[in-house]
Amino acid sequence: MATTVLTVNEVTKSYEKKGSQREEAQVLEVLSGVTFDLKEGSLTCIIGPSGCGKTTLLRIIDGLIEPTSGEVIFDGKPVRSPPAKMGFVFQQFGLLPWRSVTKNVEFGLELRGVDAQKRREIAEKYLQIVGLQGFESHYVHELSGGMQQRVGLARALAIDPDVLLMDEPFASVDEQTREILQRQLLQIVKGVTPKTTLLVTHNVDEAIFLSDEIVLLTTRPGKVKEIIPVNLPPERWTYDLRARPEYGYIRNKVWRFLESEIVEKGGFEAYGLRSAS
């Protein structure tokens, strides 16, 4: 049985919204009692309506935000600050424009005090893994969006994390590039350099293609509605996933959940809209 490497245990997050002089402060609950585990070597996707707290949850897991209650357990300890063995890939790339591609990949290693020669060797290794050899000396503005995201992935992998967190990593690229990056990601984290991965997405097809499990998060306050296993054969880049009957079943289930959350809880019924379920 696969080992649990990270546990999200009853995580709740609330913010206080200050009112005017005549109004009392209000509490905005973003997450409520979120609980799930990450198994070693798995790729888990979190999907839910906009505003349900997906990114907030990811930042709590990485120790960038403190939960109001509950905890995240990683490496046997509660997460209080960003762990050294956790990598983060951002939606907007998060690259440093004044640094070359190689220097961007080296950044996390530099913060950890790795010597210059070793940093260069590691950066070159991961730039080759993500297919960017020959672009080591380029700067961010000289790269396409897809190439920039691959630099971000190489930077996260360079610190050799036990858990890789990804916040809608392919949302800023075109559809064709997105599909290529999805396949490359699977080939890397399921083959070349295996990693336990947690990825936030709005895209149902992306979640099914990538995931071993899909965590369904409800409308705010985000709660785990269900965790859906994606029991499709590995090496999904080698066959037509959409042709398999299991794919249609999972897609229909996830989409009906999202439709119900968005239409029924988002106030759209007031305009005469109804969910299909």
C-alpha atoms as a PDB file:
ATOM      1  CA  MET A   1       0.000   0.000   0.000  1.00  0.00           C
ATOM      2  CA  ALA A   2       1.310   3.453  -0.940  1.00  0.00           C
ATOM      3  CA  THR A   3       2.831   5.565   1.809  1.00  0.00           C
ATOM      4  CA  THR A   4       1.095   8.810   2.815  1.00  0.00           C
ATOM      5  CA  VAL A   5       3.567  11.680   2.381  1.00  0.00           C
ATOM      6  CA  LEU A   6       1.267  14.602   3.210  1.00  0.00           C
ATOM      7  CA  THR A   7      -1.983  14.957   5.145  1.00  0.00           C
ATOM      8  CA  VAL A   8      -4.403  17.888   5.053  1.00  0.00           C
ATOM      9  CA  ASN A   9      -6.367  17.558   8.293  1.00  0.00           C
ATOM     10  CA  GLU A  10      -9.585  19.552   8.899  1.00  0.00           C
ATOM     11  CA  VAL A  11      -8.136  22.744   7.421  1.00  0.00           C
ATOM     12  CA  THR A  12     -10.317  25.835   7.789  1.00  0.00           C
ATOM     13  CA  LYS A  13      -9.470  29.364   6.705  1.00  0.00           C
ATOM     14  CA  SER A  14     -11.421  32.526   7.490  1.00  0.00           C
ATOM     15  CA  TYR A  15     -10.736  36.201   6.888  1.00  0.00           C
ATOM     16  CA  GLU A  16     -12.206  39.151   8.735  1.00  0.00           C
ATOM     17  CA  LYS A  17     -13.813  41.752   6.498  1.00  0.00           C
ATOM     18  CA  LYS A  18     -13.806  45.147   8.178  1.00  0.00           C
ATOM     19  CA  GLY A  19     -17.110  46.984   8.018  1.00  0.00           C
ATOM     20  CA  SER A  20     -17.810  50.700   7.968  1.00  0.00           C
ATOM     21  CA  GLN A  21     -18.196  52.740  11.153  1.00  0.00           C
ATOM     22  CA  ARG A  22     -21.841  51.688  11.317  1.00  0.00           C
ATOM     23  CA  GLU A  23     -21.305  48.082  10.371  1.00  0.00           C
ATOM     24  CA  GLU A  24     -19.724  45.272  12.319  1.00  0.00           C
ATOM     25  CA  ALA A  25     -16.823  43.320  10.910  1.00  0.00           C
ATOM     26  CA  GLN A  26     -17.828  40.176   9.036  1.00  0.00           C
ATOM     27  CA  VAL A  27     -16.060  36.844   8.870  1.00  0.00           C
ATOM     28  CA  LEU A  28     -15.530  35.374   5.403  1.00  0.00           C
ATOM     29  CA  GLU A  29     -14.997  31.619   5.562  1.00  0.00           C
ATOM     30  CA  VAL A  30     -12.993  30.434   2.554  1.00  0.00           C
ATOM     31  CA  LEU A  31     -12.243  26.822   3.498  1.00  0.00           C
ATOM     32  CA  SER A  32     -14.089  24.550   5.900  1.00  0.00           C
ATOM     33  CA  GLY A  33     -12.760  21.275   7.305  1.00  0.00           C
ATOM     34  CA  VAL A  34     -10.762  20.217   4.243  1.00  0.00           C
ATOM     35  CA  THR A  35      -9.233  16.758   4.683  1.00  0.00           C
ATOM     36  CA  PHE A  36      -7.337  14.479   2.271  1.00  0.00           C
ATOM     37  CA  ASP A  37      -4.026  12.633   1.909  1.00  0.00           C
ATOM     38  CA  LEU A  38      -1.349  12.570  -0.771  1.00  0.00           C
ATOM     39  CA  LYS A  39       0.141   9.139  -1.486  1.00  0.00           C
ATOM     40  CA  GLU A  40       3.755   8.725  -2.510  1.00  0.00           C
ATOM     41  CA  GLY A  41       4.187   9.001  -6.283  1.00  0.00           C
ATOM     42  CA  SER A  42       0.577  10.056  -6.903  1.00  0.00           C
ATOM     43  CA  LEU A  43      -0.699  12.982  -8.943  1.00  0.00           C
ATOM     44  CA  THR A  44      -3.790  14.548  -7.386  1.00  0.00           C
ATOM     45  CA  CYS A  45      -5.844  17.367  -8.909  1.00  0.00           C
ATOM     46  CA  ILE A  46      -8.070  19.768  -6.981  1.00  0.00           C
ATOM     47  CA  ILE A  47     -10.996  21.108  -8.975  1.00  0.00           C
ATOM     48  CA  GLY A  48     -13.908  23.314  -7.972  1.00  0.00           C
ATOM     49  CA  PRO A  49     -15.806  26.511  -8.854  1.00  0.00           C
ATOM     50  CA  SER A  50     -13.979  29.841  -9.007  1.00  0.00           C
ATOM     51  CA  GLY A  51     -13.520  31.360  -5.569  1.00  0.00           C
ATOM     52  CA  CYS A  52     -13.821  28.091  -3.660  1.00  0.00           C
ATOM     53  CA  GLY A  53     -10.389  28.460  -2.039  1.00  0.00           C
ATOM     54  CA  LYS A  54      -8.222  26.206  -4.233  1.00  0.00           C
ATOM     55  CA  THR A  55      -5.246  28.570  -4.378  1.00  0.00           C
ATOM     56  CA  THR A  56      -5.632  29.470  -0.700  1.00  0.00           C
ATOM     57  CA  LEU A  57      -5.501  25.773   0.148  1.00  0.00           C
ATOM     58  CA  LEU A  58      -2.365  25.281  -1.929  1.00  0.00           C
ATOM     59  CA  ARG A  59      -0.672  28.191  -0.170  1.00  0.00           C
ATOM     60  CA  ILE A  60      -1.631  26.788   3.225  1.00  0.00           C
ATOM     61  CA  ILE A  61      -0.116  23.434   2.239  1.00  0.00           C
ATOM     62  CA  ASP A  62       3.102  25.211   1.232  1.00  0.00           C
ATOM     63  CA  GLY A  63       3.208  27.150   4.502  1.00  0.00           C
ATOM     64  CA  LEU A  64       2.748  30.553   2.856  1.00  0.00           C
ATOM     65  CA  ILE A  65      -0.561  31.118   4.726  1.00  0.00           C
ATOM     66  CA  GLU A  66      -1.547  29.880   8.188  1.00  0.00           C
ATOM     67  CA  PRO A  67      -4.872  28.022   8.504  1.00  0.00           C
ATOM     68  CA  THR A  68      -7.428  29.357  10.946  1.00  0.00           C
ATOM     69  CA  SER A  69      -7.772  25.826  12.292  1.00  0.00           C
ATOM     70  CA  GLY A  70      -6.624  22.358  11.320  1.00  0.00           C
ATOM     71  CA  GLU A  71      -3.153  21.488  10.081  1.00  0.00           C
ATOM     72  CA  VAL A  72      -1.023  20.150   7.255  1.00  0.00           C
ATOM     73  CA  ILE A  73       1.352  17.317   8.176  1.00  0.00           C
ATOM     74  CA  PHE A  74       4.412  16.830   5.983  1.00  0.00           C
ATOM     75  CA  ASP A  75       7.445  14.719   6.773  1.00  0.00           C
ATOM     76  CA  GLY A  76       5.835  13.885  10.119  1.00  0.00           C
ATOM     77  CA  LYS A  77       5.598  17.532  11.247  1.00  0.00           C
ATOM     78  CA  PRO A  78       2.992  20.326  11.023  1.00  0.00           C
ATOM     79  CA  VAL A  79       3.766  22.817   8.243  1.00  0.00           C
ATOM     80  CA  ARG A  80       4.470  26.270   9.743  1.00  0.00           C
ATOM     81  CA  SER A  81       6.577  27.759   6.929  1.00  0.00           C
ATOM     82  CA  PRO A  82       7.549  26.720   3.387  1.00  0.00           C
ATOM     83  CA  PRO A  83       9.244  23.295   3.682  1.00  0.00           C
ATOM     84  CA  ALA A  84      12.626  22.819   2.020  1.00  0.00           C
ATOM     85  CA  LYS A  85      11.408  19.641   0.275  1.00  0.00           C
ATOM     86  CA  MET A  86       8.303  21.154  -1.291  1.00  0.00           C
ATOM     87  CA  GLY A  87       8.373  22.799  -4.735  1.00  0.00           C
ATOM     88  CA  PHE A  88       5.833  25.312  -6.090  1.00  0.00           C
ATOM     89  CA  VAL A  89       5.003  26.069  -9.748  1.00  0.00           C
ATOM     90  CA  PHE A  90       2.941  29.240 -10.159  1.00  0.00           C
ATOM     91  CA  GLN A  91       0.281  30.090 -12.747  1.00  0.00           C
ATOM     92  CA  GLN A  92       2.022  33.312 -13.795  1.00  0.00           C
ATOM     93  CA  PHE A  93       5.442  31.625 -14.015  1.00  0.00           C
ATOM     94  CA  GLY A  94       7.023  33.751 -11.252  1.00  0.00           C
ATOM     95  CA  LEU A  95      10.330  34.077 -13.096  1.00  0.00           C
ATOM     96  CA  LEU A  96      12.900  36.805 -12.446  1.00  0.00           C
ATOM     97  CA  PRO A  97      13.220  38.830 -15.689  1.00  0.00           C
ATOM     98  CA  TRP A  98      16.742  40.114 -14.942  1.00  0.00           C
ATOM     99  CA  ARG A  99      18.085  36.554 -14.661  1.00  0.00           C
ATOM    100  CA  SER A 100      18.901  34.167 -17.477  1.00  0.00           C
ATOM    101  CA  VAL A 101      17.064  30.853 -17.824  1.00  0.00           C
ATOM    102  CA  THR A 102      19.871  29.017 -16.029  1.00  0.00           C
ATOM    103  CA  LYS A 103      20.034  31.581 -13.235  1.00  0.00           C
ATOM    104  CA  ASN A 104      16.253  31.309 -12.744  1.00  0.00           C
ATOM    105  CA  VAL A 105      16.517  27.537 -12.350  1.00  0.00           C
ATOM    106  CA  GLU A 106      19.436  27.978  -9.952  1.00  0.00           C
ATOM    107  CA  PHE A 107      17.538  30.422  -7.738  1.00  0.00           C
ATOM    108  CA  GLY A 108      16.152  27.950  -5.172  1.00  0.00           C
ATOM    109  CA  LEU A 109      19.500  26.188  -4.967  1.00  0.00           C
ATOM    110  CA  GLU A 110      21.233  29.515  -4.422  1.00  0.00           C
ATOM    111  CA  LEU A 111      18.923  30.244  -1.474  1.00  0.00           C
ATOM    112  CA  ARG A 112      19.896  26.857  -0.024  1.00  0.00           C
ATOM    113  CA  GLY A 113      23.593  27.650  -0.211  1.00  0.00           C
ATOM    114  CA  VAL A 114      24.519  25.183  -2.973  1.00  0.00           C
ATOM    115  CA  ASP A 115      27.885  26.101  -4.527  1.00  0.00           C
ATOM    116  CA  ALA A 116      27.994  27.668  -7.982  1.00  0.00           C
ATOM    117  CA  GLN A 117      29.390  24.694  -9.904  1.00  0.00           C
ATOM    118  CA  LYS A 118      26.857  22.272  -8.413  1.00  0.00           C
ATOM    119  CA  ARG A 119      24.031  24.731  -9.083  1.00  0.00           C
ATOM    120  CA  ARG A 120      25.010  24.959 -12.734  1.00  0.00           C
ATOM    121  CA  GLU A 121      25.165  21.162 -13.111  1.00  0.00           C
ATOM    122  CA  ILE A 122      21.731  20.685 -11.533  1.00  0.00           C
ATOM    123  CA  ALA A 123      20.178  23.500 -13.595  1.00  0.00           C
ATOM    124  CA  GLU A 124      21.541  22.059 -16.835  1.00  0.00           C
ATOM    125  CA  LYS A 125      20.202  18.616 -15.911  1.00  0.00           C
ATOM    126  CA  TYR A 126      16.652  19.841 -15.374  1.00  0.00           C
ATOM    127  CA  LEU A 127      16.682  22.186 -18.359  1.00  0.00           C
ATOM    128  CA  GLN A 128      17.487  19.135 -20.456  1.00  0.00           C
ATOM    129  CA  ILE A 129      14.656  17.175 -18.796  1.00  0.00           C
ATOM    130  CA  VAL A 130      12.103  19.879 -19.674  1.00  0.00           C
ATOM    131  CA  GLY A 131      13.519  20.256 -23.205  1.00  0.00           C
ATOM    132  CA  LEU A 132      15.153  23.672 -22.936  1.00  0.00           C
ATOM    133  CA  GLN A 133      18.752  22.829 -23.719  1.00  0.00           C
ATOM    134  CA  GLY A 134      20.132  25.573 -25.942  1.00  0.00           C
ATOM    135  CA  PHE A 135      18.149  28.288 -24.122  1.00  0.00           C
ATOM    136  CA  GLU A 136      20.298  28.463 -20.996  1.00  0.00           C
ATOM    137  CA  SER A 137      21.505  32.033 -21.638  1.00  0.00           C
ATOM    138  CA  HIS A 138      18.163  33.448 -22.804  1.00  0.00           C
ATOM    139  CA  TYR A 139      16.085  35.864 -20.743  1.00  0.00           C
ATOM    140  CA  VAL A 140      12.403  35.569 -19.841  1.00  0.00           C
ATOM    141  CA  HIS A 141      11.171  38.062 -22.463  1.00  0.00           C
ATOM    142  CA  GLU A 142      12.827  35.982 -25.184  1.00  0.00           C
ATOM    143  CA  LEU A 143      10.740  32.887 -24.380  1.00  0.00           C
ATOM    144  CA  SER A 144       7.192  31.842 -25.262  1.00  0.00           C
ATOM    145  CA  GLY A 145       4.662  31.300 -22.471  1.00  0.00           C
ATOM    146  CA  GLY A 146       5.065  27.529 -22.697  1.00  0.00           C
ATOM    147  CA  MET A 147       8.833  27.799 -22.476  1.00  0.00           C
ATOM    148  CA  GLN A 148       8.571  30.116 -19.480  1.00  0.00           C
ATOM    149  CA  GLN A 149       6.391  27.595 -17.694  1.00  0.00           C
ATOM    150  CA  ARG A 150       8.928  24.865 -18.389  1.00  0.00           C
ATOM    151  CA  VAL A 151      11.587  27.066 -16.775  1.00  0.00           C
ATOM    152  CA  GLY A 152       9.302  27.347 -13.744  1.00  0.00           C
ATOM    153  CA  LEU A 153       8.926  23.572 -13.643  1.00  0.00           C
ATOM    154  CA  ALA A 154      12.681  23.052 -13.961  1.00  0.00           C
ATOM    155  CA  ARG A 155      13.264  25.515 -11.096  1.00  0.00           C
ATOM    156  CA  ALA A 156      10.811  23.641  -8.857  1.00  0.00           C
ATOM    157  CA  LEU A 157      12.307  20.241  -9.743  1.00  0.00           C
ATOM    158  CA  ALA A 158      15.893  21.449  -9.245  1.00  0.00           C
ATOM    159  CA  ILE A 159      15.509  21.473  -5.447  1.00  0.00           C
ATOM    160  CA  ASP A 160      14.501  17.783  -5.659  1.00  0.00           C
ATOM    161  CA  PRO A 161      11.199  18.210  -3.768  1.00  0.00           C
ATOM    162  CA  ASP A 162       9.327  15.323  -2.177  1.00  0.00           C
ATOM    163  CA  VAL A 163       6.053  17.088  -3.064  1.00  0.00           C
ATOM    164  CA  LEU A 164       5.443  19.307  -6.096  1.00  0.00           C
ATOM    165  CA  LEU A 165       2.613  21.868  -5.867  1.00  0.00           C
ATOM    166  CA  MET A 166       1.223  23.429  -9.049  1.00  0.00           C
ATOM    167  CA  ASP A 167      -1.318  26.262  -9.150  1.00  0.00           C
ATOM    168  CA  GLU A 168      -3.102  26.168 -12.535  1.00  0.00           C
ATOM    169  CA  PRO A 169       0.293  25.899 -14.223  1.00  0.00           C
ATOM    170  CA  PHE A 170      -1.027  25.762 -17.803  1.00  0.00           C
ATOM    171  CA  ALA A 171      -3.822  28.352 -17.605  1.00  0.00           C
ATOM    172  CA  SER A 172      -1.703  31.096 -19.189  1.00  0.00           C
ATOM    173  CA  VAL A 173      -0.809  29.237 -22.391  1.00  0.00           C
ATOM    174  CA  ASP A 174      -2.773  28.383 -25.535  1.00  0.00           C
ATOM    175  CA  GLU A 175      -4.672  25.102 -25.845  1.00  0.00           C
ATOM    176  CA  GLN A 176      -2.158  23.323 -28.080  1.00  0.00           C
ATOM    177  CA  THR A 177       0.758  24.252 -25.817  1.00  0.00           C
ATOM    178  CA  ARG A 178      -1.292  23.231 -22.806  1.00  0.00           C
ATOM    179  CA  GLU A 179      -1.780  19.685 -24.111  1.00  0.00           C
ATOM    180  CA  ILE A 180       1.927  19.348 -24.889  1.00  0.00           C
ATOM    181  CA  LEU A 181       2.870  20.579 -21.408  1.00  0.00           C
ATOM    182  CA  GLN A 182       0.403  18.172 -19.802  1.00  0.00           C
ATOM    183  CA  ARG A 183       2.043  15.246 -21.568  1.00  0.00           C
ATOM    184  CA  GLN A 184       5.527  16.453 -20.684  1.00  0.00           C
ATOM    185  CA  LEU A 185       4.524  16.859 -17.043  1.00  0.00           C
ATOM    186  CA  LEU A 186       3.261  13.283 -16.841  1.00  0.00           C
ATOM    187  CA  GLN A 187       6.363  11.923 -18.545  1.00  0.00           C
ATOM    188  CA  ILE A 188       8.518  13.768 -16.002  1.00  0.00           C
ATOM    189  CA  VAL A 189       6.706  13.197 -12.690  1.00  0.00           C
ATOM    190  CA  LYS A 190       5.597   9.658 -13.571  1.00  0.00           C
ATOM    191  CA  GLY A 191       8.822   8.580 -15.233  1.00  0.00           C
ATOM    192  CA  VAL A 192      11.998  10.625 -15.578  1.00  0.00           C
ATOM    193  CA  THR A 193      11.991  12.019 -12.027  1.00  0.00           C
ATOM    194  CA  PRO A 194       8.977  10.657 -10.088  1.00  0.00           C
ATOM    195  CA  LYS A 195       7.291  13.170  -7.781  1.00  0.00           C
ATOM    196  CA  THR A 196       4.225  13.265  -5.571  1.00  0.00           C
ATOM    197  CA  THR A 197       2.261  16.081  -7.199  1.00  0.00           C
ATOM    198  CA  LEU A 198      -0.740  18.213  -6.224  1.00  0.00           C
ATOM    199  CA  LEU A 199      -2.181  20.384  -8.994  1.00  0.00           C
ATOM    200  CA  VAL A 200      -5.005  22.937  -8.947  1.00  0.00           C
ATOM    201  CA  THR A 201      -7.006  23.309 -12.164  1.00  0.00           C
ATOM    202  CA  HIS A 202     -10.322  24.570 -13.547  1.00  0.00           C
ATOM    203  CA  ASN A 203     -10.086  22.232 -16.527  1.00  0.00           C
ATOM    204  CA  VAL A 204     -12.000  18.936 -16.237  1.00  0.00           C
ATOM    205  CA  ASP A 205     -10.181  17.225 -19.116  1.00  0.00           C
ATOM    206  CA  GLU A 206      -6.820  18.250 -17.686  1.00  0.00           C
ATOM    207  CA  ALA A 207      -7.749  16.838 -14.273  1.00  0.00           C
ATOM    208  CA  ILE A 208      -8.760  13.476 -15.761  1.00  0.00           C
ATOM    209  CA  PHE A 209      -5.719  13.236 -18.039  1.00  0.00           C
ATOM    210  CA  LEU A 210      -3.250  13.949 -15.246  1.00  0.00           C
ATOM    211  CA  SER A 211      -4.777  12.545 -12.091  1.00  0.00           C
ATOM    212  CA  ASP A 212      -4.686   9.418 -10.029  1.00  0.00           C
ATOM    213  CA  GLU A 213      -7.323  11.109  -7.852  1.00  0.00           C
ATOM    214  CA  ILE A 214      -9.528  14.196  -8.246  1.00  0.00           C
ATOM    215  CA  VAL A 215     -10.524  16.173  -5.140  1.00  0.00           C
ATOM    216  CA  LEU A 216     -13.872  17.936  -5.678  1.00  0.00           C
ATOM    217  CA  LEU A 217     -14.057  21.186  -3.718  1.00  0.00           C
ATOM    218  CA  THR A 218     -17.454  22.838  -3.173  1.00  0.00           C
ATOM    219  CA  THR A 219     -18.445  26.470  -3.573  1.00  0.00           C
ATOM    220  CA  ARG A 220     -17.086  28.718  -0.806  1.00  0.00           C
ATOM    221  CA  PRO A 221     -16.540  27.799   1.906  1.00  0.00           C
ATOM    222  CA  GLY A 222     -14.639  25.055   0.116  1.00  0.00           C
ATOM    223  CA  LYS A 223     -15.246  21.573   1.486  1.00  0.00           C
ATOM    224  CA  VAL A 224     -14.243  18.207   0.059  1.00  0.00           C
ATOM    225  CA  LYS A 225     -17.389  16.888  -1.580  1.00  0.00           C
ATOM    226  CA  GLU A 226     -15.782  13.705  -2.914  1.00  0.00           C
ATOM    227  CA  ILE A 227     -12.458  12.216  -3.930  1.00  0.00           C
ATOM    228  CA  ILE A 228     -12.764  10.438  -7.279  1.00  0.00           C
ATOM    229  CA  PRO A 229     -10.215   7.763  -8.215  1.00  0.00           C
ATOM    230  CA  VAL A 230      -9.113   7.911 -11.858  1.00  0.00           C
ATOM    231  CA  ASN A 231      -8.481   4.251 -12.627  1.00  0.00           C
ATOM    232  CA  LEU A 232      -7.117   4.640 -16.138  1.00  0.00           C
ATOM    233  CA  PRO A 233      -3.975   2.921 -17.440  1.00  0.00           C
ATOM    234  CA  PRO A 234      -0.616   4.663 -16.936  1.00  0.00           C
ATOM    235  CA  GLU A 235       1.448   6.321 -19.686  1.00  0.00           C
ATOM    236  CA  ARG A 236      -1.656   8.208 -20.777  1.00  0.00           C
ATOM    237  CA  TRP A 237       0.294  10.126 -23.391  1.00  0.00           C
ATOM    238  CA  THR A 238       0.543   6.864 -25.398  1.00  0.00           C
ATOM    239  CA  TYR A 239      -3.166   6.272 -26.108  1.00  0.00           C
ATOM    240  CA  ASP A 240      -6.442   8.109 -26.759  1.00  0.00           C
ATOM    241  CA  LEU A 241      -7.822   8.690 -23.274  1.00  0.00           C
ATOM    242  CA  ARG A 242     -11.119  10.111 -24.527  1.00  0.00           C
ATOM    243  CA  ALA A 243     -11.948   6.886 -26.365  1.00  0.00           C
ATOM    244  CA  ARG A 244     -12.162   4.904 -23.129  1.00  0.00           C
ATOM    245  CA  PRO A 245     -15.617   4.547 -21.498  1.00  0.00           C
ATOM    246  CA  GLU A 246     -14.170   5.267 -18.032  1.00  0.00           C
ATOM    247  CA  TYR A 247     -13.135   8.696 -19.268  1.00  0.00           C
ATOM    248  CA  GLY A 248     -16.692   9.641 -20.249  1.00  0.00           C
ATOM    249  CA  TYR A 249     -18.063   8.410 -16.925  1.00  0.00           C
ATOM    250  CA  ILE A 250     -15.557  10.423 -14.861  1.00  0.00           C
ATOM    251  CA  ARG A 251     -15.961  13.540 -16.991  1.00  0.00           C
ATOM    252  CA  ASN A 252     -19.739  13.441 -16.690  1.00  0.00           C
ATOM    253  CA  LYS A 253     -19.520  12.985 -12.915  1.00  0.00           C
ATOM    254  CA  VAL A 254     -17.084  15.866 -12.406  1.00  0.00           C
ATOM    255  CA  TRP A 255     -18.927  18.185 -14.784  1.00  0.00           C
ATOM    256  CA  ARG A 256     -22.313  17.531 -13.161  1.00  0.00           C
ATOM    257  CA  PHE A 257     -20.796  18.337  -9.776  1.00  0.00           C
ATOM    258  CA  LEU A 258     -19.343  21.619 -11.072  1.00  0.00           C
ATOM    259  CA  GLU A 259     -22.527  22.541 -12.900  1.00  0.00           C
ATOM    260  CA  SER A 260     -24.586  21.956  -9.781  1.00  0.00           C
ATOM    261  CA  GLU A 261     -22.244  24.014  -7.609  1.00  0.00           C
ATOM    262  CA  ILE A 262     -22.020  26.903 -10.075  1.00  0.00           C
ATOM    263  CA  VAL A 263     -25.688  27.101 -11.136  1.00  0.00           C
ATOM    264  CA  GLU A 264     -27.513  26.187  -7.941  1.00  0.00           C
ATOM    265  CA  LYS A 265     -25.197  27.841  -5.410  1.00  0.00           C
ATOM    266  CA  GLY A 266     -24.018  30.687  -7.618  1.00  0.00           C
ATOM    267  CA  GLY A 267     -27.425  32.309  -7.912  1.00  0.00           C
ATOM    268  CA  PHE A 268     -27.961  31.563 -11.604  1.00  0.00           C
ATOM    269  CA  GLU A 269     -31.351  29.907 -10.940  1.00  0.00           C
ATOM    270  CA  ALA A 270     -32.748  33.399 -10.398  1.00  0.00           C
ATOM    271  CA  TYR A 271     -32.215  33.917 -14.153  1.00  0.00           C
ATOM    272  CA  GLY A 272     -34.095  30.732 -15.060  1.00  0.00           C
ATOM    273  CA  LEU A 273     -31.021  28.540 -15.462  1.00  0.00           C
ATOM    274  CA  ARG A 274     -31.070  24.965 -14.158  1.00  0.00           C
ATOM    275  CA  SER A 275     -28.389  22.316 -13.862  1.00  0.00           C
ATOM    276  CA  ALA A 276     -28.864  19.164 -15.941  1.00  0.00           C
ATOM    277  CA  SER A 277     -28.732  16.868 -12.900  1.00  0.00           C
END
